[in-house]
Amino acid sequence: MPDAFAYFDAKLSHETDPSDVSAAQRAGDDLLLVDVRGVDAWRQGRARGAVHMPHQEIAARAPLEIPRDREVVVYCWSPGCNGGARGAREFARLGYRVREMIGGFEYWAREGLPVVGDDGALPRRFDPLVMVVRETAGAASTVTP
C-alpha cells in the first residue's frame, strides 16, 4: 500500500479544512486566507479574516501584494467548485506555499465559523449534517468550534 500512503500524504500536504484554518487563525498562525471567488460572491459573504483575490487576478496581483514566504490558503464556493484548485495552482506556479481549503466557503459557513459581508458580521448557523451540534443555554453551539 505504499502508493496509497504517498497519495494521502501528498493530499494532506496540499489541503486543509475550515476547522483547521479557523484553529490556525485563533492560534495566531501566519497563514493568509484568500477568497478566490468573484466580487459579487465576496460582497455576499466571506470567511472572516480572508482577503479577496479572484483566481483570474492572482498572477498579476499576488507578487505585488503577498510576500512569497507567506503561507497561503485559498477557497472558492464549495466542493462543487474548482476555483479553489485553480487559485492554488496559480499560487503554486508563482512559488508560494499554498493549500486549498476543502469544502470552500460553503463548509466554512455550514460549520458556523465567522462569516462577514460588506455590512459586517453575518449570523452564525451550525449545520448538524456536517458537524456535531449541541444546544447550550438555548443557542446552538459546536462541540469543537
N, C-alpha and C. Protein backbone atom coordinates (compact mmCIF):
# COMPACT_ATOMS: atom_id res chain seq x y z
N MET A 1 0.78 -1.21 0.00
CA MET A 1 0.00 0.00 0.00
C MET A 1 0.83 1.28 0.00
N PRO A 2 2.09 1.25 -0.39
CA PRO A 2 2.87 2.49 -0.37
C PRO A 2 2.28 3.55 -1.29
N ASP A 3 1.63 3.16 -2.39
CA ASP A 3 1.02 4.15 -3.27
C ASP A 3 -0.09 4.90 -2.56
N ALA A 4 -0.90 4.20 -1.77
CA ALA A 4 -1.98 4.85 -1.04
C ALA A 4 -1.41 5.81 0.00
N PHE A 5 -0.38 5.40 0.71
CA PHE A 5 0.23 6.28 1.71
C PHE A 5 0.78 7.53 1.03
N ALA A 6 1.49 7.38 -0.06
CA ALA A 6 2.06 8.53 -0.76
C ALA A 6 0.96 9.48 -1.24
N TYR A 7 -0.10 8.91 -1.76
CA TYR A 7 -1.22 9.73 -2.24
C TYR A 7 -1.81 10.55 -1.10
N PHE A 8 -2.16 9.90 0.01
CA PHE A 8 -2.80 10.62 1.11
C PHE A 8 -1.83 11.57 1.81
N ASP A 9 -0.58 11.22 1.87
CA ASP A 9 0.41 12.12 2.45
C ASP A 9 0.51 13.39 1.61
N ALA A 10 0.57 13.24 0.30
CA ALA A 10 0.64 14.41 -0.59
C ALA A 10 -0.65 15.22 -0.50
N LYS A 11 -1.77 14.52 -0.48
CA LYS A 11 -3.06 15.21 -0.40
C LYS A 11 -3.15 16.08 0.85
N LEU A 12 -2.76 15.51 1.99
CA LEU A 12 -2.83 16.26 3.24
C LEU A 12 -1.84 17.43 3.30
N SER A 13 -0.78 17.36 2.51
CA SER A 13 0.16 18.48 2.50
C SER A 13 -0.32 19.62 1.61
N HIS A 14 -1.36 19.36 0.79
CA HIS A 14 -1.86 20.38 -0.13
C HIS A 14 -3.28 20.83 0.17
N GLU A 15 -3.90 20.21 1.17
CA GLU A 15 -5.26 20.56 1.54
C GLU A 15 -5.35 20.84 3.04
N THR A 16 -6.36 21.60 3.39
CA THR A 16 -6.72 21.81 4.78
C THR A 16 -8.24 21.93 4.81
N ASP A 17 -8.80 22.10 5.98
CA ASP A 17 -10.26 22.23 6.05
C ASP A 17 -10.63 23.44 6.89
N PRO A 18 -11.91 23.85 6.84
CA PRO A 18 -12.30 25.05 7.56
C PRO A 18 -11.98 25.03 9.06
N SER A 19 -12.22 23.91 9.73
CA SER A 19 -11.94 23.85 11.17
C SER A 19 -10.47 24.08 11.45
N ASP A 20 -9.59 23.47 10.65
CA ASP A 20 -8.16 23.64 10.87
C ASP A 20 -7.71 25.08 10.56
N VAL A 21 -8.29 25.69 9.53
CA VAL A 21 -7.95 27.08 9.22
C VAL A 21 -8.39 28.00 10.35
N SER A 22 -9.60 27.79 10.85
CA SER A 22 -10.10 28.60 11.95
C SER A 22 -9.22 28.43 13.19
N ALA A 23 -8.83 27.21 13.49
CA ALA A 23 -7.96 26.96 14.64
C ALA A 23 -6.62 27.65 14.45
N ALA A 24 -6.07 27.62 13.23
CA ALA A 24 -4.80 28.28 12.95
C ALA A 24 -4.93 29.79 13.13
N GLN A 25 -6.06 30.36 12.69
CA GLN A 25 -6.28 31.79 12.88
C GLN A 25 -6.32 32.14 14.36
N ARG A 26 -7.06 31.34 15.14
CA ARG A 26 -7.17 31.61 16.58
C ARG A 26 -5.82 31.46 17.28
N ALA A 27 -4.97 30.57 16.76
CA ALA A 27 -3.65 30.35 17.35
C ALA A 27 -2.65 31.42 16.92
N GLY A 28 -3.05 32.29 15.99
CA GLY A 28 -2.16 33.35 15.54
C GLY A 28 -1.18 32.91 14.47
N ASP A 29 -1.44 31.77 13.84
CA ASP A 29 -0.55 31.33 12.75
C ASP A 29 -0.57 32.36 11.62
N ASP A 30 0.53 32.47 10.93
CA ASP A 30 0.70 33.50 9.91
C ASP A 30 0.25 33.01 8.53
N LEU A 31 -0.92 32.39 8.46
CA LEU A 31 -1.41 31.99 7.14
C LEU A 31 -2.31 33.08 6.60
N LEU A 32 -2.36 33.19 5.30
CA LEU A 32 -3.21 34.18 4.64
C LEU A 32 -4.33 33.44 3.94
N LEU A 33 -5.56 33.67 4.36
CA LEU A 33 -6.72 33.05 3.76
C LEU A 33 -7.18 33.92 2.60
N VAL A 34 -7.26 33.32 1.41
CA VAL A 34 -7.58 34.08 0.20
C VAL A 34 -8.85 33.52 -0.43
N ASP A 35 -9.84 34.38 -0.58
CA ASP A 35 -11.09 34.06 -1.26
C ASP A 35 -10.88 34.33 -2.74
N VAL A 36 -10.99 33.30 -3.57
CA VAL A 36 -10.70 33.45 -5.00
C VAL A 36 -11.96 33.57 -5.85
N ARG A 37 -13.11 33.79 -5.19
CA ARG A 37 -14.38 33.94 -5.92
C ARG A 37 -14.50 35.34 -6.51
N GLY A 38 -15.53 35.56 -7.30
CA GLY A 38 -15.78 36.86 -7.91
C GLY A 38 -16.26 37.88 -6.90
N VAL A 39 -16.35 39.12 -7.32
CA VAL A 39 -16.68 40.23 -6.43
C VAL A 39 -18.09 40.11 -5.86
N ASP A 40 -19.07 39.65 -6.63
CA ASP A 40 -20.43 39.53 -6.11
C ASP A 40 -20.49 38.50 -4.98
N ALA A 41 -19.80 37.40 -5.14
CA ALA A 41 -19.75 36.38 -4.09
C ALA A 41 -19.06 36.94 -2.85
N TRP A 42 -17.96 37.63 -3.03
CA TRP A 42 -17.22 38.25 -1.92
C TRP A 42 -18.12 39.19 -1.13
N ARG A 43 -18.86 40.03 -1.84
CA ARG A 43 -19.72 41.00 -1.16
C ARG A 43 -20.85 40.32 -0.38
N GLN A 44 -21.33 39.20 -0.91
CA GLN A 44 -22.44 38.48 -0.28
C GLN A 44 -22.03 37.90 1.07
N GLY A 45 -20.82 37.41 1.15
CA GLY A 45 -20.33 36.85 2.40
C GLY A 45 -19.02 36.14 2.19
N ARG A 46 -18.19 36.15 3.24
CA ARG A 46 -16.86 35.55 3.14
C ARG A 46 -16.40 35.14 4.53
N ALA A 47 -15.37 34.31 4.55
CA ALA A 47 -14.77 33.89 5.81
C ALA A 47 -14.11 35.10 6.46
N ARG A 48 -14.37 35.26 7.76
CA ARG A 48 -13.73 36.37 8.48
C ARG A 48 -12.21 36.20 8.40
N GLY A 49 -11.52 37.28 8.11
CA GLY A 49 -10.08 37.25 8.03
C GLY A 49 -9.53 37.00 6.64
N ALA A 50 -10.42 36.70 5.69
CA ALA A 50 -9.96 36.44 4.31
C ALA A 50 -9.68 37.75 3.57
N VAL A 51 -8.82 37.64 2.58
CA VAL A 51 -8.61 38.73 1.63
C VAL A 51 -9.18 38.28 0.29
N HIS A 52 -9.52 39.22 -0.55
CA HIS A 52 -10.15 38.90 -1.82
C HIS A 52 -9.16 39.03 -2.97
N MET A 53 -9.01 37.94 -3.71
CA MET A 53 -8.19 37.95 -4.90
C MET A 53 -8.75 36.89 -5.85
N PRO A 54 -9.65 37.29 -6.76
CA PRO A 54 -10.20 36.32 -7.70
C PRO A 54 -9.09 35.55 -8.43
N HIS A 55 -9.34 34.27 -8.67
CA HIS A 55 -8.27 33.43 -9.22
C HIS A 55 -7.71 33.97 -10.53
N GLN A 56 -8.53 34.70 -11.30
CA GLN A 56 -8.05 35.26 -12.57
C GLN A 56 -7.05 36.39 -12.36
N GLU A 57 -6.98 36.96 -11.16
CA GLU A 57 -6.11 38.11 -10.87
C GLU A 57 -4.84 37.73 -10.12
N ILE A 58 -4.71 36.48 -9.73
CA ILE A 58 -3.59 36.07 -8.88
C ILE A 58 -2.24 36.35 -9.54
N ALA A 59 -2.09 35.98 -10.80
CA ALA A 59 -0.79 36.15 -11.47
C ALA A 59 -0.32 37.60 -11.44
N ALA A 60 -1.24 38.53 -11.64
CA ALA A 60 -0.86 39.94 -11.67
C ALA A 60 -0.73 40.55 -10.28
N ARG A 61 -1.60 40.15 -9.35
CA ARG A 61 -1.65 40.83 -8.04
C ARG A 61 -0.79 40.20 -6.97
N ALA A 62 -0.74 38.89 -6.92
CA ALA A 62 -0.06 38.22 -5.80
C ALA A 62 1.39 38.68 -5.62
N PRO A 63 2.20 38.71 -6.68
CA PRO A 63 3.60 39.12 -6.48
C PRO A 63 3.75 40.54 -5.92
N LEU A 64 2.76 41.39 -6.15
CA LEU A 64 2.80 42.76 -5.66
C LEU A 64 2.23 42.92 -4.26
N GLU A 65 1.33 42.01 -3.86
CA GLU A 65 0.58 42.19 -2.62
C GLU A 65 0.89 41.17 -1.53
N ILE A 66 1.45 40.03 -1.89
CA ILE A 66 1.64 38.97 -0.90
C ILE A 66 3.10 38.53 -0.91
N PRO A 67 3.77 38.63 0.24
CA PRO A 67 5.16 38.17 0.29
C PRO A 67 5.26 36.68 -0.06
N ARG A 68 6.30 36.32 -0.78
CA ARG A 68 6.45 34.93 -1.25
C ARG A 68 6.64 33.93 -0.12
N ASP A 69 7.08 34.39 1.05
CA ASP A 69 7.30 33.45 2.15
C ASP A 69 6.04 33.26 3.00
N ARG A 70 4.96 33.90 2.64
CA ARG A 70 3.70 33.78 3.38
C ARG A 70 2.97 32.51 2.98
N GLU A 71 2.50 31.76 3.95
CA GLU A 71 1.69 30.58 3.64
C GLU A 71 0.29 31.05 3.22
N VAL A 72 -0.20 30.51 2.11
CA VAL A 72 -1.48 30.91 1.55
C VAL A 72 -2.44 29.73 1.57
N VAL A 73 -3.68 30.00 1.97
CA VAL A 73 -4.76 29.02 1.90
C VAL A 73 -5.86 29.66 1.07
N VAL A 74 -6.29 28.97 0.03
CA VAL A 74 -7.32 29.51 -0.86
C VAL A 74 -8.62 28.75 -0.71
N TYR A 75 -9.73 29.45 -1.01
CA TYR A 75 -11.02 28.78 -1.07
C TYR A 75 -11.89 29.42 -2.13
N CYS A 76 -12.85 28.62 -2.59
CA CYS A 76 -13.87 29.06 -3.53
C CYS A 76 -15.22 28.79 -2.88
N TRP A 77 -16.25 28.53 -3.67
CA TRP A 77 -17.59 28.31 -3.13
C TRP A 77 -17.73 27.05 -2.30
N SER A 78 -17.41 25.92 -2.90
CA SER A 78 -17.79 24.65 -2.28
C SER A 78 -17.03 23.49 -2.91
N PRO A 79 -17.33 22.27 -2.47
CA PRO A 79 -16.69 21.12 -3.12
C PRO A 79 -17.06 21.00 -4.59
N GLY A 80 -18.16 21.64 -4.99
CA GLY A 80 -18.59 21.58 -6.38
C GLY A 80 -17.97 22.64 -7.26
N CYS A 81 -17.00 23.37 -6.76
CA CYS A 81 -16.37 24.47 -7.49
C CYS A 81 -14.87 24.20 -7.60
N ASN A 82 -14.30 24.39 -8.77
CA ASN A 82 -12.86 24.16 -8.91
C ASN A 82 -12.05 25.46 -8.91
N GLY A 83 -12.67 26.57 -8.53
CA GLY A 83 -11.94 27.83 -8.46
C GLY A 83 -10.83 27.80 -7.43
N GLY A 84 -11.05 27.09 -6.32
CA GLY A 84 -10.01 26.97 -5.30
C GLY A 84 -8.79 26.25 -5.85
N ALA A 85 -9.02 25.18 -6.60
CA ALA A 85 -7.90 24.45 -7.21
C ALA A 85 -7.19 25.32 -8.23
N ARG A 86 -7.95 26.09 -9.00
CA ARG A 86 -7.33 27.00 -9.98
C ARG A 86 -6.46 28.04 -9.26
N GLY A 87 -7.01 28.60 -8.19
CA GLY A 87 -6.25 29.58 -7.43
C GLY A 87 -5.00 28.99 -6.80
N ALA A 88 -5.14 27.80 -6.21
CA ALA A 88 -3.98 27.14 -5.59
C ALA A 88 -2.92 26.84 -6.64
N ARG A 89 -3.36 26.38 -7.81
CA ARG A 89 -2.40 26.08 -8.88
C ARG A 89 -1.62 27.34 -9.27
N GLU A 90 -2.31 28.47 -9.35
CA GLU A 90 -1.64 29.71 -9.75
C GLU A 90 -0.65 30.18 -8.68
N PHE A 91 -1.06 30.11 -7.41
CA PHE A 91 -0.12 30.46 -6.34
C PHE A 91 1.09 29.53 -6.37
N ALA A 92 0.87 28.24 -6.58
CA ALA A 92 1.98 27.28 -6.65
C ALA A 92 2.90 27.60 -7.83
N ARG A 93 2.31 27.94 -8.97
CA ARG A 93 3.12 28.29 -10.15
C ARG A 93 4.01 29.48 -9.86
N LEU A 94 3.53 30.39 -9.01
CA LEU A 94 4.31 31.58 -8.65
C LEU A 94 5.31 31.32 -7.52
N GLY A 95 5.32 30.10 -6.98
CA GLY A 95 6.30 29.73 -5.97
C GLY A 95 5.85 29.89 -4.53
N TYR A 96 4.55 30.08 -4.29
CA TYR A 96 4.04 30.22 -2.93
C TYR A 96 3.80 28.85 -2.31
N ARG A 97 3.90 28.80 -0.97
CA ARG A 97 3.43 27.62 -0.22
C ARG A 97 1.92 27.80 -0.13
N VAL A 98 1.18 26.89 -0.71
CA VAL A 98 -0.26 27.07 -0.81
C VAL A 98 -0.99 25.77 -0.54
N ARG A 99 -2.15 25.91 0.09
CA ARG A 99 -3.06 24.78 0.27
C ARG A 99 -4.47 25.24 -0.10
N GLU A 100 -5.27 24.29 -0.48
CA GLU A 100 -6.68 24.56 -0.77
C GLU A 100 -7.51 24.18 0.45
N MET A 101 -8.46 25.04 0.82
CA MET A 101 -9.37 24.73 1.90
C MET A 101 -10.53 23.92 1.32
N ILE A 102 -10.52 22.61 1.58
CA ILE A 102 -11.57 21.76 1.05
C ILE A 102 -12.91 22.15 1.69
N GLY A 103 -13.96 22.01 0.92
CA GLY A 103 -15.28 22.41 1.39
C GLY A 103 -15.61 23.85 1.05
N GLY A 104 -14.57 24.66 0.86
CA GLY A 104 -14.76 26.05 0.47
C GLY A 104 -15.59 26.86 1.44
N PHE A 105 -16.12 27.95 0.94
CA PHE A 105 -16.93 28.85 1.75
C PHE A 105 -18.17 28.14 2.27
N GLU A 106 -18.73 27.23 1.48
CA GLU A 106 -19.93 26.52 1.92
C GLU A 106 -19.72 25.84 3.26
N TYR A 107 -18.64 25.08 3.39
CA TYR A 107 -18.42 24.35 4.63
C TYR A 107 -17.92 25.25 5.74
N TRP A 108 -17.24 26.33 5.41
CA TRP A 108 -16.88 27.32 6.43
C TRP A 108 -18.17 27.82 7.09
N ALA A 109 -19.13 28.22 6.27
CA ALA A 109 -20.39 28.74 6.78
C ALA A 109 -21.21 27.65 7.47
N ARG A 110 -21.27 26.46 6.89
CA ARG A 110 -22.07 25.38 7.48
C ARG A 110 -21.53 24.94 8.83
N GLU A 111 -20.24 25.10 9.05
CA GLU A 111 -19.65 24.76 10.35
C GLU A 111 -19.84 25.88 11.37
N GLY A 112 -20.51 26.95 10.96
CA GLY A 112 -20.79 28.04 11.88
C GLY A 112 -19.58 28.91 12.18
N LEU A 113 -18.58 28.87 11.32
CA LEU A 113 -17.40 29.71 11.53
C LEU A 113 -17.73 31.15 11.15
N PRO A 114 -16.99 32.11 11.65
CA PRO A 114 -17.35 33.52 11.45
C PRO A 114 -17.39 33.93 9.98
N VAL A 115 -18.52 34.51 9.59
CA VAL A 115 -18.76 34.97 8.23
C VAL A 115 -19.09 36.46 8.29
N VAL A 116 -18.52 37.21 7.36
CA VAL A 116 -18.81 38.63 7.27
C VAL A 116 -19.24 38.98 5.86
N GLY A 117 -20.01 40.04 5.74
CA GLY A 117 -20.40 40.61 4.45
C GLY A 117 -19.96 42.06 4.42
N ASP A 118 -20.32 42.77 3.40
CA ASP A 118 -19.93 44.17 3.30
C ASP A 118 -20.47 45.02 4.44
N ASP A 119 -21.57 44.57 5.06
CA ASP A 119 -22.17 45.34 6.15
C ASP A 119 -21.81 44.81 7.53
N GLY A 120 -20.83 43.91 7.62
CA GLY A 120 -20.40 43.41 8.92
C GLY A 120 -20.68 41.93 9.10
N ALA A 121 -20.68 41.51 10.37
CA ALA A 121 -20.84 40.10 10.71
C ALA A 121 -22.22 39.59 10.30
N LEU A 122 -22.26 38.36 9.82
CA LEU A 122 -23.50 37.69 9.45
C LEU A 122 -23.82 36.64 10.52
N PRO A 123 -25.10 36.26 10.65
CA PRO A 123 -25.46 35.27 11.67
C PRO A 123 -24.70 33.95 11.46
N ARG A 124 -24.32 33.35 12.59
CA ARG A 124 -23.64 32.06 12.54
C ARG A 124 -24.68 30.96 12.68
N ARG A 125 -24.61 29.99 11.78
CA ARG A 125 -25.52 28.85 11.82
C ARG A 125 -24.69 27.58 11.76
N PHE A 126 -25.04 26.64 12.59
CA PHE A 126 -24.32 25.38 12.66
C PHE A 126 -25.18 24.30 12.01
N ASP A 127 -24.62 23.60 11.04
CA ASP A 127 -25.35 22.57 10.30
C ASP A 127 -25.05 21.20 10.90
N PRO A 128 -26.04 20.52 11.48
CA PRO A 128 -25.80 19.23 12.10
C PRO A 128 -25.45 18.13 11.10
N LEU A 129 -25.59 18.40 9.81
CA LEU A 129 -25.23 17.40 8.81
C LEU A 129 -23.73 17.36 8.54
N VAL A 130 -23.00 18.37 9.00
CA VAL A 130 -21.56 18.41 8.74
C VAL A 130 -20.72 18.45 10.00
N MET A 131 -21.39 18.48 11.17
CA MET A 131 -20.65 18.57 12.42
C MET A 131 -21.57 18.21 13.58
N VAL A 132 -20.99 17.94 14.71
CA VAL A 132 -21.78 17.70 15.91
C VAL A 132 -22.20 19.05 16.47
N VAL A 133 -23.51 19.19 16.72
CA VAL A 133 -24.06 20.43 17.25
C VAL A 133 -24.82 20.09 18.52
N ARG A 134 -24.68 20.91 19.52
CA ARG A 134 -25.44 20.70 20.76
C ARG A 134 -26.07 22.02 21.17
N GLU A 135 -27.14 21.92 21.90
CA GLU A 135 -27.83 23.11 22.40
C GLU A 135 -27.27 23.45 23.78
N THR A 136 -26.89 24.71 23.96
CA THR A 136 -26.44 25.17 25.28
C THR A 136 -27.10 26.51 25.54
N ALA A 137 -27.77 26.60 26.65
CA ALA A 137 -28.44 27.84 27.07
C ALA A 137 -29.31 28.42 25.96
N GLY A 138 -30.00 27.54 25.25
CA GLY A 138 -30.94 28.00 24.22
C GLY A 138 -30.32 28.37 22.90
N ALA A 139 -29.02 28.21 22.74
CA ALA A 139 -28.37 28.56 21.48
C ALA A 139 -27.55 27.38 20.99
N ALA A 140 -27.53 27.19 19.70
CA ALA A 140 -26.74 26.11 19.13
C ALA A 140 -25.25 26.45 19.22
N SER A 141 -24.46 25.47 19.57
CA SER A 141 -23.01 25.64 19.56
C SER A 141 -22.40 24.34 19.09
N THR A 142 -21.16 24.41 18.73
CA THR A 142 -20.49 23.21 18.26
C THR A 142 -19.71 22.59 19.40
N VAL A 143 -19.47 21.30 19.25
CA VAL A 143 -18.61 20.63 20.24
C VAL A 143 -17.20 21.14 20.09
N THR A 144 -16.75 21.29 18.85
CA THR A 144 -15.43 21.88 18.59
C THR A 144 -15.63 23.01 17.61
N PRO A 145 -15.43 24.26 18.00
CA PRO A 145 -15.68 25.42 17.14
C PRO A 145 -14.78 25.43 15.93
